[in-house]
Amino acid sequence: MTGMTDRVGLRTAEDDLLPPADWGRRDPASPGTRAAWAFGLLAALLVLGRMWVAPHVDAGALDAWTTIFVAVCVQALPFLVFGVALSAAITAFVPASLWRRVLPRRPGAAVPVAGAMGAVLPGCECASVPVAGGLMARGVVPAAALTFLLAAPAINPIVLIATAVAFPGQPEMVVGRFVASLLVAVLAGWTWLLIGKGEWIKIPSRPEVHGRAGRVEAFRQAMRHDIVHAGGFLVVGAFAAATINVVVPSAWVSAAADNPVVSVMLLATLAVLMSICSEADAFVAASLSQFSTTAKLTFLVVGPMVDLKLIALQTGFFGRRFAVRFVPLTFCLAVGVSVLVGGLLS
């Protein structure tokens, strides 16, 4: 009877030695735990860098790197914040059905009109993907929505003003960026209209936002998301630009810059890898003074249309089958048109 009492009681001494039923399972780390780990890792890297790297770094090179890094961030930040704020406001408060009403019914005519509409919609590529998805969800032909997706972050007023500030006394960079980017967007839209198939693209569904409270919350969420992500990419881009200017031997950079083909392909590849927001990329391009106008123009045209974060966004919104076709198409058009326009300007 005592044994039975021990078995049906709350716990026994033997039970204390047994592992719980969910022993070995790990709960997902909370955001605070992840932040603590990230902070600890960063602190460890800083300590190790101070002990092992700092003694071998030239003070002049470190000063130059810091100057370039801070200059790129400080110059680009106002344009980045303003662009993200306007993009979030348009996404939250302007109904997507408006764009469907103003586009021509014929798909071939809708493509260039959608490209021209990108000139009046400030925002970075992070915002253009969900806006294009909303247009498709409301019946806009995919080719026109994709043209808008490519044009909006590349030729809107904030990007062009930022380009003019980054390249003072060089209006050809502003004109070249506008012409080349709009031409690439329209050509990509027309090409997709001719060869694109319905099964290649997954059209997303987006619920309507009703009421002022819902729109304000949508604006807040879009603003918070875009500023965190775009700000992070700006820091990465500034880090890369400063590192290229300081760490890479000048002989290597000069050799690449002196070769027209290598310089264009190198900056096109860097534009994809750096993933800089379009409101900020002009300041990074301006800092790459060793390269030709055509190479820097290629950097400015490719970046807002093909970069790592944009590829991820397009894959998430429209599917992998779409991304593996549309990304190479856009990249080839952006490089080819940039070389053509750059040659005419130089």
Protein backbone atom coordinates (compact mmCIF):
# COMPACT_ATOMS: atom_id res chain seq x y z
CA MET A 1 0.00 0.00 0.00
CA THR A 2 2.89 2.26 0.75
CA GLY A 3 4.32 1.51 -2.71
CA MET A 4 1.01 2.45 -4.32
CA THR A 5 0.92 5.65 -2.32
CA ASP A 6 4.41 6.43 -3.52
CA ARG A 7 3.40 5.85 -7.14
CA VAL A 8 0.22 7.94 -7.10
CA GLY A 9 1.58 10.73 -4.92
CA LEU A 10 2.82 13.99 -6.29
CA ARG A 11 6.52 13.06 -6.36
CA THR A 12 8.87 10.57 -4.75
CA ALA A 13 12.57 10.63 -4.10
CA GLU A 14 13.10 8.41 -7.14
CA ASP A 15 11.06 10.79 -9.32
CA ASP A 16 13.51 13.57 -8.50
CA LEU A 17 16.21 11.55 -10.21
CA LEU A 18 14.23 11.09 -13.44
CA PRO A 19 14.50 13.63 -16.27
CA PRO A 20 11.36 15.56 -17.13
CA ALA A 21 9.25 14.40 -20.05
CA ASP A 22 10.50 17.20 -22.32
CA TRP A 23 14.13 16.84 -21.27
CA GLY A 24 16.47 17.59 -24.15
CA ARG A 25 14.05 19.96 -25.91
CA ARG A 26 15.19 23.58 -26.31
CA ASP A 27 12.79 26.44 -26.46
CA PRO A 28 13.48 29.03 -29.17
CA ALA A 29 15.70 31.77 -27.91
CA SER A 30 13.88 34.93 -26.99
CA PRO A 31 14.78 38.21 -28.74
CA GLY A 32 16.50 39.33 -25.55
CA THR A 33 18.63 36.19 -25.46
CA ARG A 34 19.58 36.57 -29.11
CA ALA A 35 20.48 40.21 -28.55
CA ALA A 36 22.61 39.26 -25.56
CA TRP A 37 24.46 36.65 -27.61
CA ALA A 38 24.96 39.12 -30.45
CA PHE A 39 26.26 41.77 -28.07
CA GLY A 40 28.59 39.26 -26.43
CA LEU A 41 29.93 38.14 -29.80
CA LEU A 42 30.47 41.74 -30.89
CA ALA A 43 32.26 42.55 -27.65
CA ALA A 44 34.49 39.50 -28.06
CA LEU A 45 35.36 40.47 -31.63
CA LEU A 46 36.20 44.01 -30.54
CA VAL A 47 38.46 42.73 -27.76
CA LEU A 48 40.22 40.29 -30.09
CA GLY A 49 40.58 42.98 -32.73
CA ARG A 50 42.07 45.36 -30.19
CA MET A 51 44.57 42.71 -29.07
CA TRP A 52 45.57 41.13 -32.40
CA VAL A 53 44.61 43.46 -35.27
CA ALA A 54 45.06 46.99 -33.95
CA PRO A 55 48.86 46.73 -33.40
CA HIS A 56 49.30 45.88 -37.10
CA VAL A 57 47.05 48.62 -38.53
CA ASP A 58 48.61 51.81 -39.78
CA ALA A 59 47.16 54.85 -38.01
CA GLY A 60 46.94 56.85 -41.23
CA ALA A 61 45.06 54.09 -43.00
CA LEU A 62 42.66 53.74 -40.07
CA ASP A 63 42.02 57.49 -40.07
CA ALA A 64 41.34 57.43 -43.81
CA TRP A 65 38.97 54.46 -43.45
CA THR A 66 37.07 56.17 -40.63
CA THR A 67 36.78 59.42 -42.57
CA ILE A 68 35.39 57.72 -45.67
CA PHE A 69 33.00 55.53 -43.67
CA VAL A 70 31.56 58.39 -41.62
CA ALA A 71 31.33 60.70 -44.63
CA VAL A 72 29.33 58.21 -46.67
CA CYS A 73 26.93 57.50 -43.78
CA VAL A 74 26.41 61.14 -42.80
CA GLN A 75 25.83 62.32 -46.38
CA ALA A 76 23.41 59.53 -47.23
CA LEU A 77 21.38 59.27 -44.01
CA PRO A 78 19.03 62.27 -44.56
CA PHE A 79 18.06 61.05 -48.02
CA LEU A 80 17.59 57.53 -46.70
CA VAL A 81 15.26 58.58 -43.86
CA PHE A 82 13.24 60.95 -46.07
CA GLY A 83 12.86 58.35 -48.79
CA VAL A 84 11.78 55.61 -46.40
CA ALA A 85 9.23 57.92 -44.75
CA LEU A 86 7.67 58.89 -48.08
CA SER A 87 7.67 55.31 -49.26
CA ALA A 88 5.89 54.14 -46.09
CA ALA A 89 3.33 56.95 -46.39
CA ILE A 90 2.52 56.10 -50.00
CA THR A 91 2.31 52.39 -49.23
CA ALA A 92 -0.06 52.96 -46.30
CA PHE A 93 -2.27 55.85 -47.46
CA VAL A 94 -2.44 55.66 -51.27
CA PRO A 95 -4.76 52.86 -52.43
CA ALA A 96 -3.21 50.50 -54.96
CA SER A 97 -6.40 50.66 -57.04
CA LEU A 98 -5.45 54.21 -58.02
CA TRP A 99 -2.52 52.92 -60.09
CA ARG A 100 -4.77 50.48 -61.92
CA ARG A 101 -7.14 53.26 -62.94
CA VAL A 102 -4.45 55.52 -64.39
CA LEU A 103 -2.65 52.83 -66.43
CA PRO A 104 -3.64 52.24 -70.07
CA ARG A 105 -5.61 49.09 -70.79
CA ARG A 106 -3.19 47.88 -73.48
CA PRO A 107 -0.27 46.06 -71.80
CA GLY A 108 2.29 47.34 -74.30
CA ALA A 109 1.33 50.95 -73.56
CA ALA A 110 1.01 50.33 -69.83
CA VAL A 111 4.68 49.33 -69.53
CA PRO A 112 6.28 52.73 -70.37
CA VAL A 113 3.56 54.58 -68.44
CA ALA A 114 4.30 52.45 -65.36
CA GLY A 115 7.99 53.24 -65.80
CA ALA A 116 7.29 56.96 -65.97
CA MET A 117 5.12 56.68 -62.86
CA GLY A 118 8.18 55.46 -61.00
CA ALA A 119 9.65 58.94 -61.37
CA VAL A 120 7.04 60.39 -59.02
CA LEU A 121 7.10 57.70 -56.32
CA PRO A 122 9.98 58.19 -53.89
CA GLY A 123 11.17 55.04 -52.22
CA CYS A 124 13.84 52.37 -52.22
CA GLU A 125 13.73 48.92 -53.76
CA CYS A 126 12.55 47.46 -50.46
CA ALA A 127 9.26 49.32 -50.89
CA SER A 128 8.85 48.82 -54.64
CA VAL A 129 8.53 45.03 -54.37
CA PRO A 130 5.46 44.97 -52.08
CA VAL A 131 3.89 47.84 -54.03
CA ALA A 132 4.35 45.93 -57.29
CA GLY A 133 2.90 42.84 -55.65
CA GLY A 134 -0.14 44.86 -54.58
CA LEU A 135 -0.60 46.14 -58.12
CA MET A 136 -0.56 42.60 -59.50
CA ALA A 137 -2.99 41.45 -56.81
CA ARG A 138 -5.44 44.12 -57.98
CA GLY A 139 -5.28 43.18 -61.65
CA VAL A 140 -2.41 45.22 -63.09
CA VAL A 141 -0.59 43.29 -65.82
CA PRO A 142 2.62 41.81 -64.33
CA ALA A 143 4.87 43.35 -67.01
CA ALA A 144 3.71 46.86 -66.08
CA ALA A 145 4.03 46.17 -62.35
CA LEU A 146 7.57 44.83 -62.86
CA THR A 147 8.50 47.93 -64.87
CA PHE A 148 7.29 50.07 -62.01
CA LEU A 149 9.24 47.86 -59.57
CA LEU A 150 12.49 48.54 -61.43
CA ALA A 151 11.92 52.21 -62.20
CA ALA A 152 10.58 53.52 -58.89
CA PRO A 153 13.75 53.09 -56.79
CA ALA A 154 16.05 54.21 -59.61
CA ILE A 155 14.57 57.42 -61.09
CA ASN A 156 12.47 59.00 -58.35
CA PRO A 157 13.22 62.62 -57.37
CA ILE A 158 15.01 61.82 -54.11
CA VAL A 159 17.43 59.45 -55.84
CA LEU A 160 18.16 61.98 -58.58
CA ILE A 161 18.71 64.80 -56.06
CA ALA A 162 20.99 62.57 -54.02
CA THR A 163 22.92 61.74 -57.19
CA ALA A 164 23.32 65.44 -57.99
CA VAL A 165 24.60 66.12 -54.46
CA ALA A 166 27.02 63.19 -54.61
CA PHE A 167 28.36 64.29 -58.02
CA PRO A 168 28.51 68.11 -57.86
CA GLY A 169 29.27 69.70 -61.20
CA GLN A 170 28.55 66.45 -63.06
CA PRO A 171 24.96 66.70 -64.36
CA GLU A 172 25.74 63.96 -66.87
CA MET A 173 25.63 61.43 -64.02
CA VAL A 174 22.07 62.47 -63.13
CA VAL A 175 20.93 62.45 -66.77
CA GLY A 176 22.71 59.19 -67.49
CA ARG A 177 21.23 57.48 -64.46
CA PHE A 178 17.70 58.61 -65.31
CA VAL A 179 17.87 57.66 -68.98
CA ALA A 180 19.63 54.33 -68.49
CA SER A 181 17.45 53.22 -65.56
CA LEU A 182 14.18 54.11 -67.28
CA LEU A 183 15.30 52.39 -70.48
CA VAL A 184 16.26 49.22 -68.59
CA ALA A 185 12.93 49.15 -66.74
CA VAL A 186 10.88 49.55 -69.93
CA LEU A 187 12.94 47.00 -71.87
CA ALA A 188 12.62 44.50 -69.02
CA GLY A 189 8.85 45.03 -68.91
CA TRP A 190 8.43 44.61 -72.64
CA THR A 191 10.66 41.52 -72.65
CA TRP A 192 8.64 39.93 -69.86
CA LEU A 193 5.46 40.81 -71.74
CA LEU A 194 6.76 38.88 -74.77
CA ILE A 195 8.37 35.83 -73.16
CA GLY A 196 6.97 35.68 -69.62
CA LYS A 197 4.57 32.87 -68.74
CA GLY A 198 1.88 32.91 -66.12
CA GLU A 199 3.22 29.85 -64.32
CA TRP A 200 6.60 31.53 -63.84
CA ILE A 201 5.27 34.15 -61.43
CA LYS A 202 3.30 33.79 -58.21
CA ILE A 203 0.97 36.75 -57.81
CA PRO A 204 0.65 37.58 -54.09
CA SER A 205 -2.60 38.38 -52.34
CA ARG A 206 -2.74 41.41 -50.07
CA PRO A 207 -5.62 42.37 -47.75
CA GLU A 208 -7.02 45.86 -47.93
CA VAL A 209 -6.23 48.20 -45.03
CA HIS A 210 -9.37 49.84 -43.67
CA GLY A 211 -9.76 52.73 -41.28
CA ARG A 212 -7.39 55.43 -40.17
CA ALA A 213 -6.01 53.37 -37.31
CA GLY A 214 -5.13 50.52 -39.66
CA ARG A 215 -3.39 52.85 -42.10
CA VAL A 216 -1.42 54.55 -39.35
CA GLU A 217 -0.31 51.17 -38.05
CA ALA A 218 0.64 50.08 -41.60
CA PHE A 219 2.69 53.27 -41.97
CA ARG A 220 4.43 52.66 -38.64
CA GLN A 221 5.26 49.06 -39.48
CA ALA A 222 6.54 49.93 -42.96
CA MET A 223 8.63 52.80 -41.63
CA ARG A 224 10.18 50.69 -38.88
CA HIS A 225 10.92 47.77 -41.19
CA ASP A 226 12.44 49.84 -44.01
CA ILE A 227 14.58 52.12 -41.86
CA VAL A 228 16.09 49.19 -39.93
CA HIS A 229 16.85 47.16 -43.04
CA ALA A 230 17.92 50.03 -45.28
CA GLY A 231 20.04 51.59 -42.54
CA GLY A 232 21.84 48.30 -42.02
CA PHE A 233 22.55 47.96 -45.72
CA LEU A 234 23.84 51.54 -45.83
CA VAL A 235 26.34 50.76 -43.08
CA VAL A 236 27.46 47.62 -44.92
CA GLY A 237 27.88 49.60 -48.13
CA ALA A 238 29.84 52.35 -46.44
CA PHE A 239 32.03 49.73 -44.76
CA ALA A 240 32.72 48.07 -48.11
CA ALA A 241 33.43 51.37 -49.88
CA ALA A 242 35.84 52.50 -47.16
CA THR A 243 37.55 49.12 -47.15
CA ILE A 244 37.98 49.13 -50.93
CA ASN A 245 39.53 52.59 -50.79
CA VAL A 246 41.94 51.79 -47.94
CA VAL A 247 42.66 48.06 -47.76
CA VAL A 248 42.78 47.04 -51.41
CA PRO A 249 46.20 47.94 -52.87
CA SER A 250 45.97 50.95 -55.13
CA ALA A 251 47.82 49.06 -57.87
CA TRP A 252 45.05 46.44 -58.00
CA VAL A 253 42.31 49.06 -58.11
CA SER A 254 44.16 51.03 -60.79
CA ALA A 255 44.64 47.90 -62.87
CA ALA A 256 40.92 47.07 -62.66
CA ALA A 257 39.88 50.68 -63.23
CA ASP A 258 42.08 51.01 -66.30
CA ASN A 259 40.46 48.01 -67.97
CA PRO A 260 37.03 49.09 -69.32
CA VAL A 261 35.50 45.62 -69.27
CA VAL A 262 36.90 44.58 -65.88
CA SER A 263 35.94 47.89 -64.23
CA VAL A 264 32.34 47.71 -65.45
CA MET A 265 31.86 44.09 -64.40
CA LEU A 266 33.60 44.67 -61.07
CA LEU A 267 31.34 47.58 -60.08
CA ALA A 268 28.27 45.75 -61.40
CA THR A 269 29.15 42.81 -59.15
CA LEU A 270 29.84 45.10 -56.20
CA ALA A 271 26.44 46.74 -56.69
CA VAL A 272 24.79 43.33 -56.35
CA LEU A 273 26.83 42.32 -53.31
CA MET A 274 26.75 45.62 -51.39
CA SER A 275 22.92 45.87 -51.57
CA ILE A 276 22.89 49.60 -50.84
CA CYS A 277 19.61 51.49 -50.74
CA SER A 278 19.09 53.60 -53.86
CA GLU A 279 18.89 56.84 -51.84
CA ALA A 280 22.46 56.22 -50.65
CA ASP A 281 24.33 54.41 -53.40
CA ALA A 282 25.37 57.58 -55.26
CA PHE A 283 27.58 58.62 -52.34
CA VAL A 284 29.31 55.24 -52.38
CA ALA A 285 29.79 55.43 -56.16
CA ALA A 286 31.24 58.94 -55.87
CA SER A 287 33.82 57.67 -53.39
CA LEU A 288 35.13 55.16 -55.97
CA SER A 289 37.06 57.88 -57.76
CA GLN A 290 39.48 55.51 -59.50
CA PHE A 291 36.78 54.18 -61.83
CA SER A 292 35.42 55.63 -65.04
CA THR A 293 32.09 57.38 -65.48
CA THR A 294 30.69 54.36 -67.32
CA ALA A 295 31.69 51.98 -64.52
CA LYS A 296 30.17 54.21 -61.83
CA LEU A 297 27.02 54.62 -63.93
CA THR A 298 26.78 50.83 -64.16
CA PHE A 299 27.01 50.67 -60.37
CA LEU A 300 24.15 53.17 -60.04
CA VAL A 301 21.90 51.43 -62.57
CA VAL A 302 22.47 47.83 -61.46
CA GLY A 303 22.22 48.42 -57.70
CA PRO A 304 18.55 49.48 -57.40
CA MET A 305 17.46 46.73 -59.81
CA VAL A 306 19.58 43.71 -58.87
CA ASP A 307 21.06 43.23 -55.41
CA LEU A 308 21.01 40.54 -52.77
CA LYS A 309 18.17 41.93 -50.68
CA LEU A 310 16.08 42.63 -53.79
CA ILE A 311 16.63 39.09 -55.08
CA ALA A 312 15.47 37.74 -51.71
CA LEU A 313 12.40 40.00 -51.73
CA GLN A 314 11.47 39.04 -55.29
CA THR A 315 11.85 35.36 -54.50
CA GLY A 316 9.66 35.71 -51.42
CA PHE A 317 6.93 37.69 -53.15
CA PHE A 318 6.86 36.16 -56.64
CA GLY A 319 8.52 32.76 -56.25
CA ARG A 320 11.85 31.18 -57.11
CA ARG A 321 10.84 30.34 -60.69
CA PHE A 322 10.32 34.04 -61.30
CA ALA A 323 13.56 35.17 -59.68
CA VAL A 324 15.85 32.77 -61.57
CA ARG A 325 14.54 34.22 -64.85
CA PHE A 326 13.92 37.87 -64.09
CA VAL A 327 17.14 38.59 -62.18
CA PRO A 328 19.57 37.53 -64.96
CA LEU A 329 17.42 39.36 -67.52
CA THR A 330 17.53 42.57 -65.51
CA PHE A 331 21.25 42.29 -64.78
CA CYS A 332 22.20 41.82 -68.44
CA LEU A 333 19.98 44.69 -69.57
CA ALA A 334 21.31 46.99 -66.83
CA VAL A 335 24.95 46.33 -67.71
CA GLY A 336 24.40 46.60 -71.47
CA VAL A 337 22.35 49.80 -71.34
CA SER A 338 24.74 51.40 -68.83
CA VAL A 339 27.70 50.78 -71.11
CA LEU A 340 25.78 52.22 -74.06
CA VAL A 341 24.61 55.35 -72.24
CA GLY A 342 27.95 55.79 -70.48
CA GLY A 343 29.74 55.66 -73.82
CA LEU A 344 27.48 58.39 -75.19
CA LEU A 345 28.07 60.62 -72.17
CA SER A 346 31.85 60.23 -71.98
